[in-house]
């Protein structure tokens, strides 16, 4: 088993943040590997890096955008699914750029 520390950036219309979730998987973590983050969400690993914790690998699993949703609602949804918020950014997002 391999332990992944997955990082996911999330953006909504009035804020965003970076979440982390630890997963145990049977395959070696490599770029392009598909990981199941929840019953309904599977993402590809975009980048990997060794973790400071022995036996863990850090991985970037991308960006999720919610143009029409409020950040507080999206944040609560991810936290209820087992994600931990690492960093939060508040402010209006200009989706036209």
PDB file of N, CA and C in Angstrom:
ATOM      1  N   UNK A   1       0.840  -1.193   0.000  1.00  0.00           N
ATOM      2  CA  UNK A   1       0.000   0.000   0.000  1.00  0.00           C
ATOM      3  C   UNK A   1       0.878   1.247   0.000  1.00  0.00           C
ATOM      4  N   UNK A   2       0.380   2.247  -0.662  1.00  0.00           N
ATOM      5  CA  UNK A   2       1.046   3.541  -0.711  1.00  0.00           C
ATOM      6  C   UNK A   2       0.116   4.581  -0.101  1.00  0.00           C
ATOM      7  N   UNK A   3       0.690   5.529   0.603  1.00  0.00           N
ATOM      8  CA  UNK A   3      -0.078   6.604   1.218  1.00  0.00           C
ATOM      9  C   UNK A   3       0.116   7.882   0.419  1.00  0.00           C
ATOM     10  N   UNK A   4      -0.996   8.436  -0.072  1.00  0.00           N
ATOM     11  CA  UNK A   4      -0.976   9.676  -0.838  1.00  0.00           C
ATOM     12  C   UNK A   4      -1.542  10.813  -0.008  1.00  0.00           C
ATOM     13  N   UNK A   5      -0.903  11.955  -0.073  1.00  0.00           N
ATOM     14  CA  UNK A   5      -1.451  13.181   0.491  1.00  0.00           C
ATOM     15  C   UNK A   5      -1.872  14.012  -0.721  1.00  0.00           C
ATOM     16  N   UNK A   6      -3.183  13.990  -1.032  1.00  0.00           N
ATOM     17  CA  UNK A   6      -3.723  14.630  -2.229  1.00  0.00           C
ATOM     18  C   UNK A   6      -4.094  16.077  -1.956  1.00  0.00           C
ATOM     19  N   UNK A   7      -3.665  16.966  -2.841  1.00  0.00           N
ATOM     20  CA  UNK A   7      -3.977  18.387  -2.751  1.00  0.00           C
ATOM     21  C   UNK A   7      -4.892  18.755  -3.910  1.00  0.00           C
ATOM     22  N   UNK A   8      -5.997  19.451  -3.595  1.00  0.00           N
ATOM     23  CA  UNK A   8      -6.972  19.867  -4.594  1.00  0.00           C
ATOM     24  C   UNK A   8      -7.268  21.346  -4.397  1.00  0.00           C
ATOM     25  N   UNK A   9      -7.081  22.130  -5.454  1.00  0.00           N
ATOM     26  CA  UNK A   9      -7.442  23.541  -5.423  1.00  0.00           C
ATOM     27  C   UNK A   9      -8.897  23.668  -5.846  1.00  0.00           C
ATOM     28  N   UNK A  10      -9.649  24.514  -5.122  1.00  0.00           N
ATOM     29  CA  UNK A  10     -11.076  24.681  -5.396  1.00  0.00           C
ATOM     30  C   UNK A  10     -11.374  26.172  -5.472  1.00  0.00           C
ATOM     31  N   UNK A  11     -12.124  26.575  -6.511  1.00  0.00           N
ATOM     32  CA  UNK A  11     -12.478  27.977  -6.691  1.00  0.00           C
ATOM     33  C   UNK A  11     -13.981  28.115  -6.872  1.00  0.00           C
ATOM     34  N   UNK A  12     -14.564  29.086  -6.188  1.00  0.00           N
ATOM     35  CA  UNK A  12     -15.977  29.431  -6.320  1.00  0.00           C
ATOM     36  C   UNK A  12     -16.061  30.906  -6.706  1.00  0.00           C
ATOM     37  N   UNK A  13     -17.281  31.427  -6.864  1.00  0.00           N
ATOM     38  CA  UNK A  13     -17.397  32.804  -7.346  1.00  0.00           C
ATOM     39  C   UNK A  13     -16.929  33.849  -6.343  1.00  0.00           C
ATOM     40  N   UNK A  14     -16.878  33.512  -5.060  1.00  0.00           N
ATOM     41  CA  UNK A  14     -16.487  34.501  -4.054  1.00  0.00           C
ATOM     42  C   UNK A  14     -15.349  34.036  -3.150  1.00  0.00           C
ATOM     43  N   UNK A  15     -14.572  33.087  -3.622  1.00  0.00           N
ATOM     44  CA  UNK A  15     -13.444  32.619  -2.830  1.00  0.00           C
ATOM     45  C   UNK A  15     -12.969  31.259  -3.291  1.00  0.00           C
ATOM     46  N   UNK A  16     -12.051  30.705  -2.529  1.00  0.00           N
ATOM     47  CA  UNK A  16     -11.515  29.395  -2.866  1.00  0.00           C
ATOM     48  C   UNK A  16     -10.513  28.949  -1.832  1.00  0.00           C
ATOM     49  N   UNK A  17      -9.877  27.839  -2.117  1.00  0.00           N
ATOM     50  CA  UNK A  17      -8.897  27.338  -1.183  1.00  0.00           C
ATOM     51  C   UNK A  17      -8.233  26.075  -1.677  1.00  0.00           C
ATOM     52  N   UNK A  18      -7.340  25.564  -0.846  1.00  0.00           N
ATOM     53  CA  UNK A  18      -6.634  24.323  -1.131  1.00  0.00           C
ATOM     54  C   UNK A  18      -7.009  23.329  -0.039  1.00  0.00           C
ATOM     55  N   UNK A  19      -7.453  22.161  -0.471  1.00  0.00           N
ATOM     56  CA  UNK A  19      -7.823  21.084   0.439  1.00  0.00           C
ATOM     57  C   UNK A  19      -6.803  19.961   0.344  1.00  0.00           C
ATOM     58  N   UNK A  20      -6.724  19.172   1.407  1.00  0.00           N
ATOM     59  CA  UNK A  20      -5.857  17.992   1.424  1.00  0.00           C
ATOM     60  C   UNK A  20      -6.653  16.805   1.958  1.00  0.00           C
ATOM     61  N   UNK A  21      -6.308  15.639   1.451  1.00  0.00           N
ATOM     62  CA  UNK A  21      -6.937  14.395   1.906  1.00  0.00           C
ATOM     63  C   UNK A  21      -5.914  13.280   1.747  1.00  0.00           C
ATOM     64  N   UNK A  22      -5.812  12.416   2.731  1.00  0.00           N
ATOM     65  CA  UNK A  22      -4.868  11.306   2.701  1.00  0.00           C
ATOM     66  C   UNK A  22      -5.611  10.048   2.266  1.00  0.00           C
ATOM     67  N   UNK A  23      -5.022   9.359   1.285  1.00  0.00           N
ATOM     68  CA  UNK A  23      -5.598   8.124   0.768  1.00  0.00           C
ATOM     69  C   UNK A  23      -4.551   7.026   0.786  1.00  0.00           C
ATOM     70  N   UNK A  24      -4.985   5.808   1.021  1.00  0.00           N
ATOM     71  CA  UNK A  24      -4.123   4.638   0.870  1.00  0.00           C
ATOM     72  C   UNK A  24      -4.537   3.934  -0.411  1.00  0.00           C
ATOM     73  N   UNK A  25      -3.563   3.687  -1.290  1.00  0.00           N
ATOM     74  CA  UNK A  25      -3.866   3.048  -2.566  1.00  0.00           C
ATOM     75  C   UNK A  25      -2.902   1.883  -2.790  1.00  0.00           C
ATOM     76  N   UNK A  26      -3.305   0.884  -3.576  1.00  0.00           N
ATOM     77  CA  UNK A  26      -2.431  -0.262  -3.811  1.00  0.00           C
ATOM     78  C   UNK A  26      -1.352  -0.019  -4.867  1.00  0.00           C
ATOM     79  N   UNK A  27      -1.587   0.940  -5.799  1.00  0.00           N
ATOM     80  CA  UNK A  27      -0.627   1.194  -6.863  1.00  0.00           C
ATOM     81  C   UNK A  27       0.393   2.244  -6.462  1.00  0.00           C
ATOM     82  N   UNK A  28       1.557   2.176  -7.102  1.00  0.00           N
ATOM     83  CA  UNK A  28       2.569   3.202  -6.875  1.00  0.00           C
ATOM     84  C   UNK A  28       2.078   4.518  -7.460  1.00  0.00           C
ATOM     85  N   UNK A  29       2.161   5.611  -6.703  1.00  0.00           N
ATOM     86  CA  UNK A  29       1.671   6.898  -7.204  1.00  0.00           C
ATOM     87  C   UNK A  29       2.579   7.472  -8.287  1.00  0.00           C
ATOM     88  N   UNK A  30       2.027   7.651  -9.478  1.00  0.00           N
ATOM     89  CA  UNK A  30       2.753   8.232 -10.601  1.00  0.00           C
ATOM     90  C   UNK A  30       1.842   9.232 -11.301  1.00  0.00           C
ATOM     91  N   UNK A  31       2.431  10.151 -12.054  1.00  0.00           N
ATOM     92  CA  UNK A  31       1.659  11.121 -12.830  1.00  0.00           C
ATOM     93  C   UNK A  31       0.770  10.357 -13.806  1.00  0.00           C
ATOM     94  N   UNK A  32      -0.495  10.759 -13.880  1.00  0.00           N
ATOM     95  CA  UNK A  32      -1.458  10.115 -14.762  1.00  0.00           C
ATOM     96  C   UNK A  32      -2.293   9.036 -14.095  1.00  0.00           C
ATOM     97  N   UNK A  33      -1.881   8.587 -12.913  1.00  0.00           N
ATOM     98  CA  UNK A  33      -2.652   7.581 -12.187  1.00  0.00           C
ATOM     99  C   UNK A  33      -4.012   8.141 -11.811  1.00  0.00           C
ATOM    100  N   UNK A  34      -5.052   7.370 -11.992  1.00  0.00           N
ATOM    101  CA  UNK A  34      -6.388   7.786 -11.572  1.00  0.00           C
ATOM    102  C   UNK A  34      -6.603   7.329 -10.125  1.00  0.00           C
ATOM    103  N   UNK A  35      -7.040   8.280  -9.274  1.00  0.00           N
ATOM    104  CA  UNK A  35      -7.319   7.959  -7.874  1.00  0.00           C
ATOM    105  C   UNK A  35      -8.774   8.288  -7.564  1.00  0.00           C
ATOM    106  N   UNK A  36      -9.409   7.424  -6.782  1.00  0.00           N
ATOM    107  CA  UNK A  36     -10.793   7.637  -6.365  1.00  0.00           C
ATOM    108  C   UNK A  36     -10.777   8.460  -5.088  1.00  0.00           C
ATOM    109  N   UNK A  37     -11.287   9.693  -5.194  1.00  0.00           N
ATOM    110  CA  UNK A  37     -11.305  10.609  -4.060  1.00  0.00           C
ATOM    111  C   UNK A  37     -12.576  10.461  -3.236  1.00  0.00           C
ATOM    112  N   UNK A  38     -13.643  10.021  -3.868  1.00  0.00           N
ATOM    113  CA  UNK A  38     -14.909   9.750  -3.183  1.00  0.00           C
ATOM    114  C   UNK A  38     -15.675   8.778  -4.062  1.00  0.00           C
ATOM    115  N   UNK A  39     -16.869   8.409  -3.630  1.00  0.00           N
ATOM    116  CA  UNK A  39     -17.667   7.477  -4.429  1.00  0.00           C
ATOM    117  C   UNK A  39     -17.957   8.015  -5.817  1.00  0.00           C
ATOM    118  N   UNK A  40     -18.047   9.342  -5.946  1.00  0.00           N
ATOM    119  CA  UNK A  40     -18.429   9.928  -7.223  1.00  0.00           C
ATOM    120  C   UNK A  40     -17.315  10.707  -7.921  1.00  0.00           C
ATOM    121  N   UNK A  41     -16.120  10.754  -7.351  1.00  0.00           N
ATOM    122  CA  UNK A  41     -15.066  11.579  -7.946  1.00  0.00           C
ATOM    123  C   UNK A  41     -13.769  10.797  -8.121  1.00  0.00           C
ATOM    124  N   UNK A  42     -13.323  10.747  -9.370  1.00  0.00           N
ATOM    125  CA  UNK A  42     -12.041  10.144  -9.724  1.00  0.00           C
ATOM    126  C   UNK A  42     -11.239  11.203 -10.455  1.00  0.00           C
ATOM    127  N   UNK A  43      -9.981  11.377 -10.065  1.00  0.00           N
ATOM    128  CA  UNK A  43      -9.121  12.390 -10.700  1.00  0.00           C
ATOM    129  C   UNK A  43      -7.772  11.775 -11.038  1.00  0.00           C
ATOM    130  N   UNK A  44      -7.106  12.406 -11.998  1.00  0.00           N
ATOM    131  CA  UNK A  44      -5.749  11.997 -12.357  1.00  0.00           C
ATOM    132  C   UNK A  44      -4.732  12.768 -11.518  1.00  0.00           C
ATOM    133  N   UNK A  45      -3.683  12.078 -11.129  1.00  0.00           N
ATOM    134  CA  UNK A  45      -2.560  12.721 -10.444  1.00  0.00           C
ATOM    135  C   UNK A  45      -1.805  13.557 -11.470  1.00  0.00           C
ATOM    136  N   UNK A  46      -1.646  14.860 -11.179  1.00  0.00           N
ATOM    137  CA  UNK A  46      -0.964  15.770 -12.117  1.00  0.00           C
ATOM    138  C   UNK A  46       0.521  15.894 -11.820  1.00  0.00           C
ATOM    139  N   UNK A  47       0.885  15.887 -10.552  1.00  0.00           N
ATOM    140  CA  UNK A  47       2.284  15.976 -10.134  1.00  0.00           C
ATOM    141  C   UNK A  47       2.457  15.189  -8.841  1.00  0.00           C
ATOM    142  N   UNK A  48       3.671  14.679  -8.633  1.00  0.00           N
ATOM    143  CA  UNK A  48       3.995  14.007  -7.372  1.00  0.00           C
ATOM    144  C   UNK A  48       5.288  14.580  -6.814  1.00  0.00           C
ATOM    145  N   UNK A  49       5.428  14.466  -5.499  1.00  0.00           N
ATOM    146  CA  UNK A  49       6.654  14.901  -4.819  1.00  0.00           C
ATOM    147  C   UNK A  49       6.752  14.136  -3.515  1.00  0.00           C
ATOM    148  N   UNK A  50       7.964  13.815  -3.087  1.00  0.00           N
ATOM    149  CA  UNK A  50       8.105  13.131  -1.804  1.00  0.00           C
ATOM    150  C   UNK A  50       7.560  13.990  -0.666  1.00  0.00           C
ATOM    151  N   UNK A  51       6.979  13.356   0.314  1.00  0.00           N
ATOM    152  CA  UNK A  51       6.470  14.049   1.496  1.00  0.00           C
ATOM    153  C   UNK A  51       7.539  14.055   2.578  1.00  0.00           C
ATOM    154  N   UNK A  52       7.431  14.979   3.507  1.00  0.00           N
ATOM    155  CA  UNK A  52       8.351  14.982   4.641  1.00  0.00           C
ATOM    156  C   UNK A  52       8.030  13.848   5.607  1.00  0.00           C
ATOM    157  N   UNK A  53       6.808  13.298   5.515  1.00  0.00           N
ATOM    158  CA  UNK A  53       6.429  12.140   6.326  1.00  0.00           C
ATOM    159  C   UNK A  53       6.838  10.870   5.587  1.00  0.00           C
ATOM    160  N   UNK A  54       7.624  10.036   6.246  1.00  0.00           N
ATOM    161  CA  UNK A  54       8.121   8.825   5.608  1.00  0.00           C
ATOM    162  C   UNK A  54       6.968   7.938   5.145  1.00  0.00           C
ATOM    163  N   UNK A  55       7.084   7.428   3.945  1.00  0.00           N
ATOM    164  CA  UNK A  55       6.076   6.534   3.406  1.00  0.00           C
ATOM    165  C   UNK A  55       4.917   7.228   2.717  1.00  0.00           C
ATOM    166  N   UNK A  56       4.920   8.555   2.677  1.00  0.00           N
ATOM    167  CA  UNK A  56       3.854   9.294   2.001  1.00  0.00           C
ATOM    168  C   UNK A  56       4.397   9.999   0.770  1.00  0.00           C
ATOM    169  N   UNK A  57       3.498  10.208  -0.197  1.00  0.00           N
ATOM    170  CA  UNK A  57       3.818  10.956  -1.401  1.00  0.00           C
ATOM    171  C   UNK A  57       2.788  12.065  -1.545  1.00  0.00           C
ATOM    172  N   UNK A  58       3.246  13.292  -1.764  1.00  0.00           N
ATOM    173  CA  UNK A  58       2.348  14.409  -2.048  1.00  0.00           C
ATOM    174  C   UNK A  58       1.944  14.348  -3.510  1.00  0.00           C
ATOM    175  N   UNK A  59       0.678  14.635  -3.799  1.00  0.00           N
ATOM    176  CA  UNK A  59       0.258  14.679  -5.195  1.00  0.00           C
ATOM    177  C   UNK A  59      -0.776  15.770  -5.410  1.00  0.00           C
ATOM    178  N   UNK A  60      -0.680  16.379  -6.586  1.00  0.00           N
ATOM    179  CA  UNK A  60      -1.618  17.410  -7.017  1.00  0.00           C
ATOM    180  C   UNK A  60      -2.673  16.714  -7.864  1.00  0.00           C
ATOM    181  N   UNK A  61      -3.937  16.847  -7.467  1.00  0.00           N
ATOM    182  CA  UNK A  61      -5.015  16.222  -8.237  1.00  0.00           C
ATOM    183  C   UNK A  61      -5.867  17.262  -8.955  1.00  0.00           C
ATOM    184  N   UNK A  62      -5.356  18.483  -9.088  1.00  0.00           N
ATOM    185  CA  UNK A  62      -5.988  19.444  -9.969  1.00  0.00           C
ATOM    186  C   UNK A  62      -6.781  20.552  -9.327  1.00  0.00           C
ATOM    187  N   UNK A  63      -7.702  21.078 -10.141  1.00  0.00           N
ATOM    188  CA  UNK A  63      -8.515  22.237  -9.792  1.00  0.00           C
ATOM    189  C   UNK A  63      -9.978  21.923 -10.046  1.00  0.00           C
ATOM    190  N   UNK A  64     -10.826  22.272  -9.097  1.00  0.00           N
ATOM    191  CA  UNK A  64     -12.276  22.172  -9.269  1.00  0.00           C
ATOM    192  C   UNK A  64     -12.840  23.586  -9.214  1.00  0.00           C
ATOM    193  N   UNK A  65     -13.626  23.969 -10.224  1.00  0.00           N
ATOM    194  CA  UNK A  65     -14.196  25.315 -10.265  1.00  0.00           C
ATOM    195  C   UNK A  65     -15.711  25.261 -10.196  1.00  0.00           C
ATOM    196  N   UNK A  66     -16.269  26.209  -9.457  1.00  0.00           N
ATOM    197  CA  UNK A  66     -17.713  26.331  -9.262  1.00  0.00           C
ATOM    198  C   UNK A  66     -18.081  27.792  -9.477  1.00  0.00           C
ATOM    199  N   UNK A  67     -18.225  28.188 -10.735  1.00  0.00           N
ATOM    200  CA  UNK A  67     -18.443  29.587 -11.100  1.00  0.00           C
ATOM    201  C   UNK A  67     -19.708  30.180 -10.492  1.00  0.00           C
ATOM    202  N   UNK A  68     -20.758  29.399 -10.348  1.00  0.00           N
ATOM    203  CA  UNK A  68     -22.029  29.925  -9.872  1.00  0.00           C
ATOM    204  C   UNK A  68     -22.331  29.648  -8.412  1.00  0.00           C
ATOM    205  N   UNK A  69     -21.364  29.131  -7.666  1.00  0.00           N
ATOM    206  CA  UNK A  69     -21.628  28.737  -6.278  1.00  0.00           C
ATOM    207  C   UNK A  69     -20.863  29.591  -5.281  1.00  0.00           C
ATOM    208  N   UNK A  70     -21.408  29.711  -4.103  1.00  0.00           N
ATOM    209  CA  UNK A  70     -20.770  30.432  -3.001  1.00  0.00           C
ATOM    210  C   UNK A  70     -19.718  29.544  -2.342  1.00  0.00           C
ATOM    211  N   UNK A  71     -18.600  30.174  -1.982  1.00  0.00           N
ATOM    212  CA  UNK A  71     -17.480  29.461  -1.393  1.00  0.00           C
ATOM    213  C   UNK A  71     -17.866  28.737  -0.108  1.00  0.00           C
ATOM    214  N   UNK A  72     -18.589  29.374   0.779  1.00  0.00           N
ATOM    215  CA  UNK A  72     -18.928  28.736   2.060  1.00  0.00           C
ATOM    216  C   UNK A  72     -19.676  27.422   1.849  1.00  0.00           C
ATOM    217  N   UNK A  73     -20.544  27.384   0.862  1.00  0.00           N
ATOM    218  CA  UNK A  73     -21.296  26.157   0.569  1.00  0.00           C
ATOM    219  C   UNK A  73     -20.376  25.062   0.008  1.00  0.00           C
ATOM    220  N   UNK A  74     -19.506  25.453  -0.915  1.00  0.00           N
ATOM    221  CA  UNK A  74     -18.568  24.501  -1.504  1.00  0.00           C
ATOM    222  C   UNK A  74     -17.596  23.996  -0.442  1.00  0.00           C
ATOM    223  N   UNK A  75     -17.093  24.892   0.389  1.00  0.00           N
ATOM    224  CA  UNK A  75     -16.159  24.512   1.456  1.00  0.00           C
ATOM    225  C   UNK A  75     -16.794  23.486   2.384  1.00  0.00           C
ATOM    226  N   UNK A  76     -18.027  23.727   2.797  1.00  0.00           N
ATOM    227  CA  UNK A  76     -18.725  22.792   3.686  1.00  0.00           C
ATOM    228  C   UNK A  76     -18.905  21.427   3.026  1.00  0.00           C
ATOM    229  N   UNK A  77     -19.186  21.429   1.727  1.00  0.00           N
ATOM    230  CA  UNK A  77     -19.372  20.163   1.002  1.00  0.00           C
ATOM    231  C   UNK A  77     -18.093  19.330   1.018  1.00  0.00           C
ATOM    232  N   UNK A  78     -16.949  19.971   0.734  1.00  0.00           N
ATOM    233  CA  UNK A  78     -15.686  19.232   0.729  1.00  0.00           C
ATOM    234  C   UNK A  78     -15.304  18.758   2.133  1.00  0.00           C
ATOM    235  N   UNK A  79     -15.507  19.600   3.126  1.00  0.00           N
ATOM    236  CA  UNK A  79     -15.184  19.188   4.501  1.00  0.00           C
ATOM    237  C   UNK A  79     -16.058  18.017   4.945  1.00  0.00           C
ATOM    238  N   UNK A  80     -17.312  17.979   4.523  1.00  0.00           N
ATOM    239  CA  UNK A  80     -18.189  16.864   4.897  1.00  0.00           C
ATOM    240  C   UNK A  80     -17.781  15.564   4.210  1.00  0.00           C
ATOM    241  N   UNK A  81     -16.992  15.668   3.143  1.00  0.00           N
ATOM    242  CA  UNK A  81     -16.515  14.485   2.413  1.00  0.00           C
ATOM    243  C   UNK A  81     -15.123  14.029   2.864  1.00  0.00           C
ATOM    244  N   UNK A  82     -14.605  14.614   3.931  1.00  0.00           N
ATOM    245  CA  UNK A  82     -13.330  14.171   4.469  1.00  0.00           C
ATOM    246  C   UNK A  82     -12.116  14.982   4.069  1.00  0.00           C
ATOM    247  N   UNK A  83     -12.309  16.078   3.343  1.00  0.00           N
ATOM    248  CA  UNK A  83     -11.203  16.950   2.977  1.00  0.00           C
ATOM    249  C   UNK A  83     -10.925  17.937   4.107  1.00  0.00           C
ATOM    250  N   UNK A  84      -9.668  18.310   4.296  1.00  0.00           N
ATOM    251  CA  UNK A  84      -9.271  19.320   5.284  1.00  0.00           C
ATOM    252  C   UNK A  84      -8.786  20.557   4.546  1.00  0.00           C
ATOM    253  N   UNK A  85      -9.278  21.722   4.945  1.00  0.00           N
ATOM    254  CA  UNK A  85      -8.887  22.979   4.319  1.00  0.00           C
ATOM    255  C   UNK A  85      -7.516  23.399   4.835  1.00  0.00           C
ATOM    256  N   UNK A  86      -6.563  23.611   3.908  1.00  0.00           N
ATOM    257  CA  UNK A  86      -5.221  24.058   4.271  1.00  0.00           C
ATOM    258  C   UNK A  86      -5.070  25.565   4.171  1.00  0.00           C
ATOM    259  N   UNK A  87      -5.632  26.131   3.105  1.00  0.00           N
ATOM    260  CA  UNK A  87      -5.484  27.561   2.852  1.00  0.00           C
ATOM    261  C   UNK A  87      -6.750  28.069   2.194  1.00  0.00           C
ATOM    262  N   UNK A  88      -7.168  29.263   2.614  1.00  0.00           N
ATOM    263  CA  UNK A  88      -8.403  29.852   2.102  1.00  0.00           C
ATOM    264  C   UNK A  88      -8.113  31.227   1.514  1.00  0.00           C
ATOM    265  N   UNK A  89      -8.748  31.526   0.379  1.00  0.00           N
ATOM    266  CA  UNK A  89      -8.625  32.824  -0.278  1.00  0.00           C
ATOM    267  C   UNK A  89     -10.023  33.379  -0.456  1.00  0.00           C
ATOM    268  N   UNK A  90     -10.255  34.571   0.049  1.00  0.00           N
ATOM    269  CA  UNK A  90     -11.576  35.180  -0.078  1.00  0.00           C
ATOM    270  C   UNK A  90     -11.514  36.308  -1.100  1.00  0.00           C
ATOM    271  N   UNK A  91     -12.617  36.523  -1.800  1.00  0.00           N
ATOM    272  CA  UNK A  91     -12.698  37.593  -2.782  1.00  0.00           C
ATOM    273  C   UNK A  91     -13.454  37.156  -4.008  1.00  0.00           C
ATOM    274  N   UNK A  92     -13.888  38.121  -4.772  1.00  0.00           N
ATOM    275  CA  UNK A  92     -14.644  37.831  -5.986  1.00  0.00           C
ATOM    276  C   UNK A  92     -13.709  37.355  -7.081  1.00  0.00           C
ATOM    277  N   UNK A  93     -14.113  36.335  -7.793  1.00  0.00           N
ATOM    278  CA  UNK A  93     -13.321  35.792  -8.891  1.00  0.00           C
ATOM    279  C   UNK A  93     -13.894  36.330 -10.197  1.00  0.00           C
ATOM    280  N   UNK A  94     -13.040  36.876 -11.051  1.00  0.00           N
ATOM    281  CA  UNK A  94     -13.469  37.353 -12.364  1.00  0.00           C
ATOM    282  C   UNK A  94     -13.286  36.218 -13.365  1.00  0.00           C
ATOM    283  N   UNK A  95     -14.379  35.566 -13.748  1.00  0.00           N
ATOM    284  CA  UNK A  95     -14.315  34.387 -14.623  1.00  0.00           C
ATOM    285  C   UNK A  95     -14.129  34.763 -16.089  1.00  0.00           C
ATOM    286  N   UNK A  96     -14.099  36.064 -16.412  1.00  0.00           N
ATOM    287  CA  UNK A  96     -13.943  36.461 -17.807  1.00  0.00           C
ATOM    288  C   UNK A  96     -12.487  36.544 -18.237  1.00  0.00           C
ATOM    289  N   UNK A  97     -11.554  36.508 -17.305  1.00  0.00           N
ATOM    290  CA  UNK A  97     -10.120  36.608 -17.651  1.00  0.00           C
ATOM    291  C   UNK A  97      -9.574  35.287 -18.108  1.00  0.00           C
TER     292      UNK A  97
END
